Amino acid sequence: MRNHLFVLAAALGLAAGLSGQTAKPYAVPRMADGHPNLQGTFDLATMTPVERTRGTSATMTKEQAKKLETAAAARTAQQDQAIAGDRTAPPKGGDGSGGAAGNVGGYNGGWLDPGSSYNVVDGQIRTSLVIDPPDGRVPAYTADAQKRMSGLRARPTSDATESNDPGLERMPGSYDDPERRPLGERCLLGFGSTAGPPALPDYFYNNLHQIVQTRDSIMILTEMVHDVRIVRMNSTHIPSTIRKWLGDSIGHWEGDSLVVETTNFNDKTRFRGATENMKVTERFTRSGPKELLYRFTIEDPATWAKPWSGEYTWPATDAHIYEYACHEANYAMGGILSGARLREKEEAEAKAGKN
């Protein structure tokens, strides 16, 4: 039966080719000003990592992806199981599971949404977001960058410890002082460059991004920590003396692609250890009725020996973005500090009793 179906399909395909019939090209929806309509809400969750595992292919087969996605779904189902309310506290230093999902008794897996499938671009299942260099790896740091980051890690206090970058916010001591807690943990700026630029998956939760478009400006709202970027169209950058958390973004159209150039970063966010002189160029292209193709290029000669680029598909979603009110009044910080003072008091009283 399968052979008969194959022959029939081949015959139909040949007939279509002979009759000159071809698939209709995708018609990009347009705004009143004639430019492509990029508006919508998009879900950036994906299992595809930023960098590729060394020595592996740039793509994987459907069978390979299915195997990994099935295993991930099984882990998620296990983590979604109810946990005992009378369970004991995790051991000092965590239970070994790693990260906020359980390392020190934080969120259990039911709260997390790291992505359940690999990203597909042009029909290819990608194994990394990075596409240039061809090995799918971020270029090595320059000698100056290595020295700079070593110095940041050695400082007793530093803005870099308040970074949204995973490599810097986890420096030793970042959680030992209320003045040094990272911006992401304090819910002041989405961690892992989820807002960007470049806008990357956070592999955690709150993966939605919304684009609202007008003739003169384009807004990109990030669900995580409600970060908002405003792209000013056909404008010029603000003076270099003015620095912003998410940089200064200006945009223009190249055909059907929105091109956004961002500069004027401050020295606190430090994407992957970059300097405030980093430049990010992004391209947003509607590639189908339910998706955008997002591409980015990073340039910072003081940090990397050469520019590097990545791309991935943003699938559209009908899901809603809800308010992100993580640290309203930050009551938890007061509880943490009160607990620490109480423990110090009890330890001092116990020591006095022994004497």
C-alpha atoms as a PDB file:
ATOM      1  CA  MET A   1       0.000   0.000   0.000  1.00  0.00           C
ATOM      2  CA  ARG A   2       2.812   2.408   0.887  1.00  0.00           C
ATOM      3  CA  ASN A   3       4.468   1.753  -2.500  1.00  0.00           C
ATOM      4  CA  HIS A   4       1.220   2.543  -4.306  1.00  0.00           C
ATOM      5  CA  LEU A   5       0.903   5.811  -2.404  1.00  0.00           C
ATOM      6  CA  PHE A   6       4.502   6.726  -3.220  1.00  0.00           C
ATOM      7  CA  VAL A   7       3.949   6.115  -6.933  1.00  0.00           C
ATOM      8  CA  LEU A   8       0.747   8.141  -6.859  1.00  0.00           C
ATOM      9  CA  ALA A   9       2.440  11.043  -5.098  1.00  0.00           C
ATOM     10  CA  ALA A  10       5.322  10.991  -7.569  1.00  0.00           C
ATOM     11  CA  ALA A  11       2.913  10.980 -10.492  1.00  0.00           C
ATOM     12  CA  LEU A  12       0.963  13.907  -9.097  1.00  0.00           C
ATOM     13  CA  GLY A  13       4.161  15.828  -8.518  1.00  0.00           C
ATOM     14  CA  LEU A  14       5.338  15.157 -12.075  1.00  0.00           C
ATOM     15  CA  ALA A  15       1.981  16.248 -13.453  1.00  0.00           C
ATOM     16  CA  ALA A  16       2.122  19.472 -11.484  1.00  0.00           C
ATOM     17  CA  GLY A  17       5.618  20.157 -12.772  1.00  0.00           C
ATOM     18  CA  LEU A  18       4.603  19.466 -16.374  1.00  0.00           C
ATOM     19  CA  SER A  19       1.628  21.799 -16.113  1.00  0.00           C
ATOM     20  CA  GLY A  20       3.859  24.602 -14.873  1.00  0.00           C
ATOM     21  CA  GLN A  21       2.175  24.825 -11.467  1.00  0.00           C
ATOM     22  CA  THR A  22       4.331  26.075  -8.606  1.00  0.00           C
ATOM     23  CA  ALA A  23       3.638  26.867  -4.962  1.00  0.00           C
ATOM     24  CA  LYS A  24       2.565  30.430  -4.354  1.00  0.00           C
ATOM     25  CA  PRO A  25       5.278  32.565  -2.717  1.00  0.00           C
ATOM     26  CA  TYR A  26       4.507  33.851   0.750  1.00  0.00           C
ATOM     27  CA  ALA A  27       2.797  37.247   0.597  1.00  0.00           C
ATOM     28  CA  VAL A  28       4.165  39.400   3.415  1.00  0.00           C
ATOM     29  CA  PRO A  29       1.386  41.380   5.175  1.00  0.00           C
ATOM     30  CA  ARG A  30       1.985  45.108   5.106  1.00  0.00           C
ATOM     31  CA  MET A  31       1.232  48.166   7.183  1.00  0.00           C
ATOM     32  CA  ALA A  32      -0.477  51.276   5.803  1.00  0.00           C
ATOM     33  CA  ASP A  33       2.956  52.749   4.992  1.00  0.00           C
ATOM     34  CA  GLY A  34       3.792  49.758   2.783  1.00  0.00           C
ATOM     35  CA  HIS A  35       6.412  48.197   5.068  1.00  0.00           C
ATOM     36  CA  PRO A  36       6.087  44.588   6.277  1.00  0.00           C
ATOM     37  CA  ASN A  37       3.843  44.059   9.293  1.00  0.00           C
ATOM     38  CA  LEU A  38       6.032  42.473  11.984  1.00  0.00           C
ATOM     39  CA  GLN A  39       3.475  42.870  14.757  1.00  0.00           C
ATOM     40  CA  GLY A  40       2.513  40.032  17.025  1.00  0.00           C
ATOM     41  CA  THR A  41       3.542  37.998  20.042  1.00  0.00           C
ATOM     42  CA  PHE A  42       6.345  35.456  19.647  1.00  0.00           C
ATOM     43  CA  ASP A  43       7.544  32.564  21.804  1.00  0.00           C
ATOM     44  CA  LEU A  44      11.346  32.370  21.926  1.00  0.00           C
ATOM     45  CA  ALA A  45      11.533  29.160  23.979  1.00  0.00           C
ATOM     46  CA  THR A  46      13.800  26.581  22.359  1.00  0.00           C
ATOM     47  CA  MET A  47      16.074  23.674  23.194  1.00  0.00           C
ATOM     48  CA  THR A  48      18.639  24.925  20.677  1.00  0.00           C
ATOM     49  CA  PRO A  49      21.574  26.363  22.662  1.00  0.00           C
ATOM     50  CA  VAL A  50      23.416  29.572  21.806  1.00  0.00           C
ATOM     51  CA  GLU A  51      26.625  27.642  21.109  1.00  0.00           C
ATOM     52  CA  ARG A  52      27.077  24.257  19.486  1.00  0.00           C
ATOM     53  CA  THR A  53      28.789  21.369  21.216  1.00  0.00           C
ATOM     54  CA  ARG A  54      32.330  21.138  19.835  1.00  0.00           C
ATOM     55  CA  GLY A  55      32.719  18.805  16.895  1.00  0.00           C
ATOM     56  CA  THR A  56      29.004  18.369  16.181  1.00  0.00           C
ATOM     57  CA  SER A  57      27.047  19.111  13.028  1.00  0.00           C
ATOM     58  CA  ALA A  58      25.217  22.405  12.450  1.00  0.00           C
ATOM     59  CA  THR A  59      21.948  20.509  11.990  1.00  0.00           C
ATOM     60  CA  MET A  60      20.310  17.322  13.220  1.00  0.00           C
ATOM     61  CA  THR A  61      17.850  14.885  11.722  1.00  0.00           C
ATOM     62  CA  LYS A  62      14.189  14.700  12.695  1.00  0.00           C
ATOM     63  CA  GLU A  63      14.896  11.372  14.365  1.00  0.00           C
ATOM     64  CA  GLN A  64      17.730  12.819  16.461  1.00  0.00           C
ATOM     65  CA  ALA A  65      15.620  15.815  17.492  1.00  0.00           C
ATOM     66  CA  LYS A  66      12.638  13.614  18.341  1.00  0.00           C
ATOM     67  CA  LYS A  67      14.751  11.441  20.615  1.00  0.00           C
ATOM     68  CA  LEU A  68      16.121  14.425  22.545  1.00  0.00           C
ATOM     69  CA  GLU A  69      12.748  16.176  22.709  1.00  0.00           C
ATOM     70  CA  THR A  70      11.067  13.011  24.004  1.00  0.00           C
ATOM     71  CA  ALA A  71      13.692  12.666  26.739  1.00  0.00           C
ATOM     72  CA  ALA A  72      13.195  16.335  27.686  1.00  0.00           C
ATOM     73  CA  ALA A  73       9.420  15.846  27.852  1.00  0.00           C
ATOM     74  CA  ALA A  74       9.906  12.872  30.177  1.00  0.00           C
ATOM     75  CA  ARG A  75      12.116  14.952  32.484  1.00  0.00           C
ATOM     76  CA  THR A  76       9.535  17.721  32.503  1.00  0.00           C
ATOM     77  CA  ALA A  77       6.770  15.290  33.387  1.00  0.00           C
ATOM     78  CA  GLN A  78       8.863  13.948  36.250  1.00  0.00           C
ATOM     79  CA  GLN A  79       9.656  17.437  37.525  1.00  0.00           C
ATOM     80  CA  ASP A  80       5.976  18.383  37.345  1.00  0.00           C
ATOM     81  CA  GLN A  81       5.080  15.750  39.928  1.00  0.00           C
ATOM     82  CA  ALA A  82       3.743  17.068  43.235  1.00  0.00           C
ATOM     83  CA  ILE A  83       6.316  17.418  46.001  1.00  0.00           C
ATOM     84  CA  ALA A  84       5.715  16.709  49.669  1.00  0.00           C
ATOM     85  CA  GLY A  85       4.790  19.739  51.746  1.00  0.00           C
ATOM     86  CA  ASP A  86       6.543  18.304  54.800  1.00  0.00           C
ATOM     87  CA  ARG A  87       9.817  17.567  52.995  1.00  0.00           C
ATOM     88  CA  THR A  88      13.076  18.514  54.706  1.00  0.00           C
ATOM     89  CA  ALA A  89      15.145  21.508  53.640  1.00  0.00           C
ATOM     90  CA  PRO A  90      17.790  20.947  50.965  1.00  0.00           C
ATOM     91  CA  PRO A  91      21.349  20.394  52.214  1.00  0.00           C
ATOM     92  CA  LYS A  92      23.710  23.327  52.598  1.00  0.00           C
ATOM     93  CA  GLY A  93      24.950  24.311  49.164  1.00  0.00           C
ATOM     94  CA  GLY A  94      22.007  22.704  47.413  1.00  0.00           C
ATOM     95  CA  ASP A  95      20.959  19.225  46.424  1.00  0.00           C
ATOM     96  CA  GLY A  96      23.291  19.003  43.439  1.00  0.00           C
ATOM     97  CA  SER A  97      20.638  19.452  40.769  1.00  0.00           C
ATOM     98  CA  GLY A  98      22.069  22.799  39.671  1.00  0.00           C
ATOM     99  CA  GLY A  99      20.484  26.182  39.071  1.00  0.00           C
ATOM    100  CA  ALA A 100      17.390  27.799  40.479  1.00  0.00           C
ATOM    101  CA  ALA A 101      15.327  24.692  39.728  1.00  0.00           C
ATOM    102  CA  GLY A 102      16.504  22.986  42.899  1.00  0.00           C
ATOM    103  CA  ASN A 103      20.085  23.745  43.757  1.00  0.00           C
ATOM    104  CA  VAL A 104      19.165  25.631  46.927  1.00  0.00           C
ATOM    105  CA  GLY A 105      15.481  24.825  47.150  1.00  0.00           C
ATOM    106  CA  GLY A 106      14.242  27.405  44.645  1.00  0.00           C
ATOM    107  CA  TYR A 107      11.645  26.881  41.940  1.00  0.00           C
ATOM    108  CA  ASN A 108      10.666  23.306  41.280  1.00  0.00           C
ATOM    109  CA  GLY A 109      10.369  22.212  37.648  1.00  0.00           C
ATOM    110  CA  GLY A 110       6.649  22.892  37.419  1.00  0.00           C
ATOM    111  CA  TRP A 111       7.330  26.625  37.249  1.00  0.00           C
ATOM    112  CA  LEU A 112       9.875  26.418  34.450  1.00  0.00           C
ATOM    113  CA  ASP A 113       9.478  26.554  30.670  1.00  0.00           C
ATOM    114  CA  PRO A 114      12.938  26.136  29.111  1.00  0.00           C
ATOM    115  CA  GLY A 115      11.650  25.020  25.707  1.00  0.00           C
ATOM    116  CA  SER A 116      10.404  21.669  24.432  1.00  0.00           C
ATOM    117  CA  SER A 117      11.692  21.543  20.845  1.00  0.00           C
ATOM    118  CA  TYR A 118      14.666  22.519  18.706  1.00  0.00           C
ATOM    119  CA  ASN A 119      14.586  25.593  16.498  1.00  0.00           C
ATOM    120  CA  VAL A 120      14.005  25.187  12.767  1.00  0.00           C
ATOM    121  CA  VAL A 121      15.359  27.634  10.157  1.00  0.00           C
ATOM    122  CA  ASP A 122      14.723  27.076   6.446  1.00  0.00           C
ATOM    123  CA  GLY A 123      13.554  23.554   7.216  1.00  0.00           C
ATOM    124  CA  GLN A 124      16.789  22.696   9.052  1.00  0.00           C
ATOM    125  CA  ILE A 125      16.810  21.665  12.702  1.00  0.00           C
ATOM    126  CA  ARG A 126      19.605  23.779  14.175  1.00  0.00           C
ATOM    127  CA  THR A 127      22.039  22.717  16.895  1.00  0.00           C
ATOM    128  CA  SER A 128      23.105  26.278  17.790  1.00  0.00           C
ATOM    129  CA  LEU A 129      21.957  29.848  17.374  1.00  0.00           C
ATOM    130  CA  VAL A 130      25.475  30.915  16.399  1.00  0.00           C
ATOM    131  CA  ILE A 131      26.064  30.465  12.665  1.00  0.00           C
ATOM    132  CA  ASP A 132      29.266  32.480  12.208  1.00  0.00           C
ATOM    133  CA  PRO A 133      31.942  31.333  12.986  1.00  0.00           C
ATOM    134  CA  PRO A 134      30.885  28.177  11.108  1.00  0.00           C
ATOM    135  CA  ASP A 135      31.727  25.966  14.105  1.00  0.00           C
ATOM    136  CA  GLY A 136      28.784  27.495  15.970  1.00  0.00           C
ATOM    137  CA  ARG A 137      31.010  28.788  18.768  1.00  0.00           C
ATOM    138  CA  VAL A 138      31.445  32.337  20.068  1.00  0.00           C
ATOM    139  CA  PRO A 139      34.991  33.497  19.184  1.00  0.00           C
ATOM    140  CA  ALA A 140      37.635  33.399  21.896  1.00  0.00           C
ATOM    141  CA  TYR A 141      38.118  36.456  24.081  1.00  0.00           C
ATOM    142  CA  THR A 142      40.973  38.789  23.322  1.00  0.00           C
ATOM    143  CA  ALA A 143      43.843  39.009  25.800  1.00  0.00           C
ATOM    144  CA  ASP A 144      42.570  42.410  26.944  1.00  0.00           C
ATOM    145  CA  ALA A 145      39.085  41.005  27.547  1.00  0.00           C
ATOM    146  CA  GLN A 146      40.452  38.120  29.612  1.00  0.00           C
ATOM    147  CA  LYS A 147      42.455  40.556  31.727  1.00  0.00           C
ATOM    148  CA  ARG A 148      39.465  42.873  32.115  1.00  0.00           C
ATOM    149  CA  MET A 149      37.128  40.128  33.304  1.00  0.00           C
ATOM    150  CA  SER A 150      39.732  38.761  35.712  1.00  0.00           C
ATOM    151  CA  GLY A 151      39.929  42.213  37.233  1.00  0.00           C
ATOM    152  CA  LEU A 152      36.148  42.452  37.539  1.00  0.00           C
ATOM    153  CA  ARG A 153      35.957  39.130  39.334  1.00  0.00           C
ATOM    154  CA  ALA A 154      38.648  40.206  41.788  1.00  0.00           C
ATOM    155  CA  ARG A 155      36.935  43.422  42.881  1.00  0.00           C
ATOM    156  CA  PRO A 156      35.125  43.323  46.252  1.00  0.00           C
ATOM    157  CA  THR A 157      32.237  45.299  44.734  1.00  0.00           C
ATOM    158  CA  SER A 158      31.523  45.966  41.084  1.00  0.00           C
ATOM    159  CA  ASP A 159      28.706  46.889  38.739  1.00  0.00           C
ATOM    160  CA  ALA A 160      29.634  43.805  36.766  1.00  0.00           C
ATOM    161  CA  THR A 161      28.350  41.618  39.582  1.00  0.00           C
ATOM    162  CA  GLU A 162      24.986  43.286  38.973  1.00  0.00           C
ATOM    163  CA  SER A 163      24.992  42.069  35.399  1.00  0.00           C
ATOM    164  CA  ASN A 164      22.333  40.352  33.324  1.00  0.00           C
ATOM    165  CA  ASP A 165      25.071  38.197  31.853  1.00  0.00           C
ATOM    166  CA  PRO A 166      25.286  34.627  33.213  1.00  0.00           C
ATOM    167  CA  GLY A 167      29.060  34.601  33.059  1.00  0.00           C
ATOM    168  CA  LEU A 168      29.438  37.595  35.354  1.00  0.00           C
ATOM    169  CA  GLU A 169      26.415  37.530  37.635  1.00  0.00           C
ATOM    170  CA  ARG A 170      27.530  34.189  39.097  1.00  0.00           C
ATOM    171  CA  MET A 171      30.854  35.489  40.321  1.00  0.00           C
ATOM    172  CA  PRO A 172      31.733  34.421  43.874  1.00  0.00           C
ATOM    173  CA  GLY A 173      30.208  36.753  46.423  1.00  0.00           C
ATOM    174  CA  SER A 174      27.402  38.095  44.222  1.00  0.00           C
ATOM    175  CA  TYR A 175      24.810  36.894  46.739  1.00  0.00           C
ATOM    176  CA  ASP A 176      26.780  37.660  49.913  1.00  0.00           C
ATOM    177  CA  ASP A 177      25.825  41.325  50.164  1.00  0.00           C
ATOM    178  CA  PRO A 178      22.476  43.069  49.512  1.00  0.00           C
ATOM    179  CA  GLU A 179      24.312  45.744  47.539  1.00  0.00           C
ATOM    180  CA  ARG A 180      25.865  43.203  45.176  1.00  0.00           C
ATOM    181  CA  ARG A 181      22.924  41.023  44.208  1.00  0.00           C
ATOM    182  CA  PRO A 182      22.670  40.771  40.390  1.00  0.00           C
ATOM    183  CA  LEU A 183      20.193  42.822  38.422  1.00  0.00           C
ATOM    184  CA  GLY A 184      18.491  39.707  37.109  1.00  0.00           C
ATOM    185  CA  GLU A 185      17.985  38.265  40.592  1.00  0.00           C
ATOM    186  CA  ARG A 186      16.626  41.618  41.760  1.00  0.00           C
ATOM    187  CA  CYS A 187      14.236  41.636  38.787  1.00  0.00           C
ATOM    188  CA  LEU A 188      15.492  44.967  37.524  1.00  0.00           C
ATOM    189  CA  LEU A 189      16.645  43.616  34.160  1.00  0.00           C
ATOM    190  CA  GLY A 190      15.869  40.319  32.459  1.00  0.00           C
ATOM    191  CA  PHE A 191      18.794  37.944  32.838  1.00  0.00           C
ATOM    192  CA  GLY A 192      20.572  36.079  30.067  1.00  0.00           C
ATOM    193  CA  SER A 193      20.052  38.879  27.503  1.00  0.00           C
ATOM    194  CA  THR A 194      16.397  37.932  27.091  1.00  0.00           C
ATOM    195  CA  ALA A 195      15.524  41.553  26.237  1.00  0.00           C
ATOM    196  CA  GLY A 196      18.749  42.015  24.325  1.00  0.00           C
ATOM    197  CA  PRO A 197      20.121  43.197  22.228  1.00  0.00           C
ATOM    198  CA  PRO A 198      20.783  40.589  21.070  1.00  0.00           C
ATOM    199  CA  ALA A 199      17.473  39.049  22.166  1.00  0.00           C
ATOM    200  CA  LEU A 200      18.248  35.488  23.217  1.00  0.00           C
ATOM    201  CA  PRO A 201      16.165  32.696  24.738  1.00  0.00           C
ATOM    202  CA  ASP A 202      16.516  32.657  28.528  1.00  0.00           C
ATOM    203  CA  TYR A 203      16.054  28.862  28.744  1.00  0.00           C
ATOM    204  CA  PHE A 204      14.101  29.375  31.945  1.00  0.00           C
ATOM    205  CA  TYR A 205      10.596  30.837  31.630  1.00  0.00           C
ATOM    206  CA  ASN A 206       8.625  33.923  30.481  1.00  0.00           C
ATOM    207  CA  ASN A 207       9.677  33.472  26.859  1.00  0.00           C
ATOM    208  CA  LEU A 208       7.235  35.817  25.117  1.00  0.00           C
ATOM    209  CA  HIS A 209       8.113  38.956  23.146  1.00  0.00           C
ATOM    210  CA  GLN A 210       5.629  41.364  21.585  1.00  0.00           C
ATOM    211  CA  ILE A 211       6.280  43.705  18.666  1.00  0.00           C
ATOM    212  CA  VAL A 212       4.141  46.820  18.175  1.00  0.00           C
ATOM    213  CA  GLN A 213       4.889  48.815  15.046  1.00  0.00           C
ATOM    214  CA  THR A 214       4.253  52.361  13.851  1.00  0.00           C
ATOM    215  CA  ARG A 215       5.790  54.380  11.041  1.00  0.00           C
ATOM    216  CA  ASP A 216       8.248  56.214  13.299  1.00  0.00           C
ATOM    217  CA  SER A 217       9.026  53.712  16.060  1.00  0.00           C
ATOM    218  CA  ILE A 218       8.846  50.032  16.904  1.00  0.00           C
ATOM    219  CA  MET A 219       8.378  48.662  20.414  1.00  0.00           C
ATOM    220  CA  ILE A 220       9.689  45.269  21.529  1.00  0.00           C
ATOM    221  CA  LEU A 221       8.216  44.187  24.872  1.00  0.00           C
ATOM    222  CA  THR A 222       9.860  41.307  26.735  1.00  0.00           C
ATOM    223  CA  GLU A 223       7.729  39.267  29.128  1.00  0.00           C
ATOM    224  CA  MET A 224      10.664  38.682  31.489  1.00  0.00           C
ATOM    225  CA  VAL A 225      10.878  41.650  33.880  1.00  0.00           C
ATOM    226  CA  HIS A 226       8.724  43.659  31.408  1.00  0.00           C
ATOM    227  CA  ASP A 227      11.793  45.104  29.672  1.00  0.00           C
ATOM    228  CA  VAL A 228      10.889  47.396  26.763  1.00  0.00           C
ATOM    229  CA  ARG A 229      12.993  48.490  23.816  1.00  0.00           C
ATOM    230  CA  ILE A 230      12.008  51.401  21.597  1.00  0.00           C
ATOM    231  CA  VAL A 231      13.532  51.415  18.103  1.00  0.00           C
ATOM    232  CA  ARG A 232      13.556  54.894  16.581  1.00  0.00           C
ATOM    233  CA  MET A 233      13.173  54.630  12.815  1.00  0.00           C
ATOM    234  CA  ASN A 234      15.373  56.530  10.343  1.00  0.00           C
ATOM    235  CA  SER A 235      17.081  58.442  13.137  1.00  0.00           C
ATOM    236  CA  THR A 236      20.618  58.957  14.410  1.00  0.00           C
ATOM    237  CA  HIS A 237      22.228  57.743  17.613  1.00  0.00           C
ATOM    238  CA  ILE A 238      22.203  59.887  20.719  1.00  0.00           C
ATOM    239  CA  PRO A 239      25.536  61.446  21.830  1.00  0.00           C
ATOM    240  CA  SER A 240      28.141  58.926  22.979  1.00  0.00           C
ATOM    241  CA  THR A 241      28.141  60.564  26.418  1.00  0.00           C
ATOM    242  CA  ILE A 242      24.634  59.196  27.030  1.00  0.00           C
ATOM    243  CA  ARG A 243      24.586  55.496  27.938  1.00  0.00           C
ATOM    244  CA  LYS A 244      21.529  53.281  28.406  1.00  0.00           C
ATOM    245  CA  TRP A 245      20.815  49.883  29.980  1.00  0.00           C
ATOM    246  CA  LEU A 246      19.601  48.360  26.715  1.00  0.00           C
ATOM    247  CA  GLY A 247      21.586  50.654  24.452  1.00  0.00           C
ATOM    248  CA  ASP A 248      20.266  53.122  21.880  1.00  0.00           C
ATOM    249  CA  SER A 249      18.440  51.407  18.999  1.00  0.00           C
ATOM    250  CA  ILE A 250      17.792  53.006  15.610  1.00  0.00           C
ATOM    251  CA  GLY A 251      16.182  51.213  12.686  1.00  0.00           C
ATOM    252  CA  HIS A 252      15.674  51.323   8.943  1.00  0.00           C
ATOM    253  CA  TRP A 253      14.212  49.075   6.257  1.00  0.00           C
ATOM    254  CA  GLU A 254      16.295  47.103   3.790  1.00  0.00           C
ATOM    255  CA  GLY A 255      13.739  45.603   1.442  1.00  0.00           C
ATOM    256  CA  ASP A 256      11.385  43.559   3.638  1.00  0.00           C
ATOM    257  CA  SER A 257      13.829  43.326   6.553  1.00  0.00           C
ATOM    258  CA  LEU A 258      13.879  45.632   9.562  1.00  0.00           C
ATOM    259  CA  VAL A 259      17.510  46.409  10.405  1.00  0.00           C
ATOM    260  CA  VAL A 260      18.226  47.678  13.918  1.00  0.00           C
ATOM    261  CA  GLU A 261      21.613  49.011  15.057  1.00  0.00           C
ATOM    262  CA  THR A 262      22.217  49.399  18.788  1.00  0.00           C
ATOM    263  CA  THR A 263      25.119  51.236  20.451  1.00  0.00           C
ATOM    264  CA  ASN A 264      25.569  53.469  23.541  1.00  0.00           C
ATOM    265  CA  PHE A 265      25.401  50.677  26.131  1.00  0.00           C
ATOM    266  CA  ASN A 266      26.329  51.444  29.728  1.00  0.00           C
ATOM    267  CA  ASP A 267      29.091  49.580  31.534  1.00  0.00           C
ATOM    268  CA  LYS A 268      26.775  47.596  33.813  1.00  0.00           C
ATOM    269  CA  THR A 269      25.073  45.071  31.549  1.00  0.00           C
ATOM    270  CA  ARG A 270      28.228  43.761  29.834  1.00  0.00           C
ATOM    271  CA  PHE A 271      26.779  41.137  27.486  1.00  0.00           C
ATOM    272  CA  ARG A 272      29.117  38.140  27.843  1.00  0.00           C
ATOM    273  CA  GLY A 273      31.754  40.475  29.234  1.00  0.00           C
ATOM    274  CA  ALA A 274      31.627  42.977  26.348  1.00  0.00           C
ATOM    275  CA  THR A 275      32.520  46.639  26.748  1.00  0.00           C
ATOM    276  CA  GLU A 276      30.080  49.524  26.583  1.00  0.00           C
ATOM    277  CA  ASN A 277      31.310  50.095  22.991  1.00  0.00           C
ATOM    278  CA  MET A 278      29.711  46.906  21.689  1.00  0.00           C
ATOM    279  CA  LYS A 279      27.561  47.284  18.570  1.00  0.00           C
ATOM    280  CA  VAL A 280      24.666  44.928  17.811  1.00  0.00           C
ATOM    281  CA  THR A 281      23.022  44.755  14.391  1.00  0.00           C
ATOM    282  CA  GLU A 282      19.716  42.880  14.195  1.00  0.00           C
ATOM    283  CA  ARG A 283      17.529  41.877  11.257  1.00  0.00           C
ATOM    284  CA  PHE A 284      13.832  41.046  11.620  1.00  0.00           C
ATOM    285  CA  THR A 285      12.212  39.392   8.591  1.00  0.00           C
ATOM    286  CA  ARG A 286       8.732  37.887   8.389  1.00  0.00           C
ATOM    287  CA  SER A 287       9.433  34.439   6.933  1.00  0.00           C
ATOM    288  CA  GLY A 288       5.926  32.981   7.152  1.00  0.00           C
ATOM    289  CA  PRO A 289       2.419  33.712   8.403  1.00  0.00           C
ATOM    290  CA  LYS A 290       3.326  32.451  11.861  1.00  0.00           C
ATOM    291  CA  GLU A 291       7.007  33.280  12.261  1.00  0.00           C
ATOM    292  CA  LEU A 292       9.831  35.802  12.053  1.00  0.00           C
ATOM    293  CA  LEU A 293      13.469  35.129  11.218  1.00  0.00           C
ATOM    294  CA  TYR A 294      15.720  36.949  13.694  1.00  0.00           C
ATOM    295  CA  ARG A 295      19.412  37.480  12.939  1.00  0.00           C
ATOM    296  CA  PHE A 296      22.065  39.352  14.908  1.00  0.00           C
ATOM    297  CA  THR A 297      25.716  40.318  14.603  1.00  0.00           C
ATOM    298  CA  ILE A 298      27.927  41.311  17.565  1.00  0.00           C
ATOM    299  CA  GLU A 299      30.932  43.622  17.128  1.00  0.00           C
ATOM    300  CA  ASP A 300      33.325  44.560  19.914  1.00  0.00           C
ATOM    301  CA  PRO A 301      37.033  44.416  18.946  1.00  0.00           C
ATOM    302  CA  ALA A 302      38.004  44.997  22.578  1.00  0.00           C
ATOM    303  CA  THR A 303      36.291  41.735  23.559  1.00  0.00           C
ATOM    304  CA  TRP A 304      36.345  39.375  20.552  1.00  0.00           C
ATOM    305  CA  ALA A 305      38.920  39.110  17.778  1.00  0.00           C
ATOM    306  CA  LYS A 306      36.197  39.165  15.141  1.00  0.00           C
ATOM    307  CA  PRO A 307      32.441  39.782  14.866  1.00  0.00           C
ATOM    308  CA  TRP A 308      30.073  36.847  15.330  1.00  0.00           C
ATOM    309  CA  SER A 309      26.505  36.190  14.251  1.00  0.00           C
ATOM    310  CA  GLY A 310      23.495  34.048  15.047  1.00  0.00           C
ATOM    311  CA  GLU A 311      19.956  33.452  13.878  1.00  0.00           C
ATOM    312  CA  TYR A 312      16.811  31.635  14.902  1.00  0.00           C
ATOM    313  CA  THR A 313      13.108  31.543  14.159  1.00  0.00           C
ATOM    314  CA  TRP A 314      10.589  33.350  16.358  1.00  0.00           C
ATOM    315  CA  PRO A 315       7.319  31.378  16.203  1.00  0.00           C
ATOM    316  CA  ALA A 316       4.131  33.412  16.642  1.00  0.00           C
ATOM    317  CA  THR A 317       1.779  32.523  19.494  1.00  0.00           C
ATOM    318  CA  ASP A 318      -1.721  33.385  20.656  1.00  0.00           C
ATOM    319  CA  ALA A 319      -0.596  33.256  24.302  1.00  0.00           C
ATOM    320  CA  HIS A 320      -0.954  36.376  26.425  1.00  0.00           C
ATOM    321  CA  ILE A 321       1.798  38.348  28.156  1.00  0.00           C
ATOM    322  CA  TYR A 322       0.927  38.876  31.798  1.00  0.00           C
ATOM    323  CA  GLU A 323       2.313  41.372  34.281  1.00  0.00           C
ATOM    324  CA  TYR A 324       5.705  40.503  35.685  1.00  0.00           C
ATOM    325  CA  ALA A 325       5.693  41.703  39.303  1.00  0.00           C
ATOM    326  CA  CYS A 326       8.548  39.711  40.769  1.00  0.00           C
ATOM    327  CA  HIS A 327      10.017  41.852  43.539  1.00  0.00           C
ATOM    328  CA  GLU A 328       7.162  44.141  44.454  1.00  0.00           C
ATOM    329  CA  ALA A 329       8.515  45.994  47.512  1.00  0.00           C
ATOM    330  CA  ASN A 330      11.121  43.216  47.759  1.00  0.00           C
ATOM    331  CA  TYR A 331       9.790  41.750  50.994  1.00  0.00           C
ATOM    332  CA  ALA A 332      12.012  38.711  50.559  1.00  0.00           C
ATOM    333  CA  MET A 333      15.165  40.790  50.991  1.00  0.00           C
ATOM    334  CA  GLY A 334      13.927  42.084  54.345  1.00  0.00           C
ATOM    335  CA  GLY A 335      13.182  38.522  55.414  1.00  0.00           C
ATOM    336  CA  ILE A 336      16.639  37.338  54.352  1.00  0.00           C
ATOM    337  CA  LEU A 337      18.394  40.114  56.261  1.00  0.00           C
ATOM    338  CA  SER A 338      16.183  39.669  59.354  1.00  0.00           C
ATOM    339  CA  GLY A 339      16.902  35.951  59.336  1.00  0.00           C
ATOM    340  CA  ALA A 340      20.635  36.578  59.100  1.00  0.00           C
ATOM    341  CA  ARG A 341      20.568  39.015  62.025  1.00  0.00           C
ATOM    342  CA  LEU A 342      18.507  36.534  64.100  1.00  0.00           C
ATOM    343  CA  ARG A 343      20.977  33.752  63.389  1.00  0.00           C
ATOM    344  CA  GLU A 344      23.888  35.986  64.398  1.00  0.00           C
ATOM    345  CA  LYS A 345      22.086  36.857  67.642  1.00  0.00           C
ATOM    346  CA  GLU A 346      21.388  33.209  68.460  1.00  0.00           C
ATOM    347  CA  GLU A 347      24.989  32.232  67.718  1.00  0.00           C
ATOM    348  CA  ALA A 348      26.272  35.059  69.934  1.00  0.00           C
ATOM    349  CA  GLU A 349      23.952  34.015  72.781  1.00  0.00           C
ATOM    350  CA  ALA A 350      24.999  30.388  72.474  1.00  0.00           C
ATOM    351  CA  LYS A 351      28.650  31.369  72.547  1.00  0.00           C
ATOM    352  CA  ALA A 352      28.086  33.588  75.615  1.00  0.00           C
ATOM    353  CA  GLY A 353      26.304  30.707  77.376  1.00  0.00           C
ATOM    354  CA  LYS A 354      29.261  28.407  76.857  1.00  0.00           C
ATOM    355  CA  ASN A 355      31.581  30.965  78.349  1.00  0.00           C
END
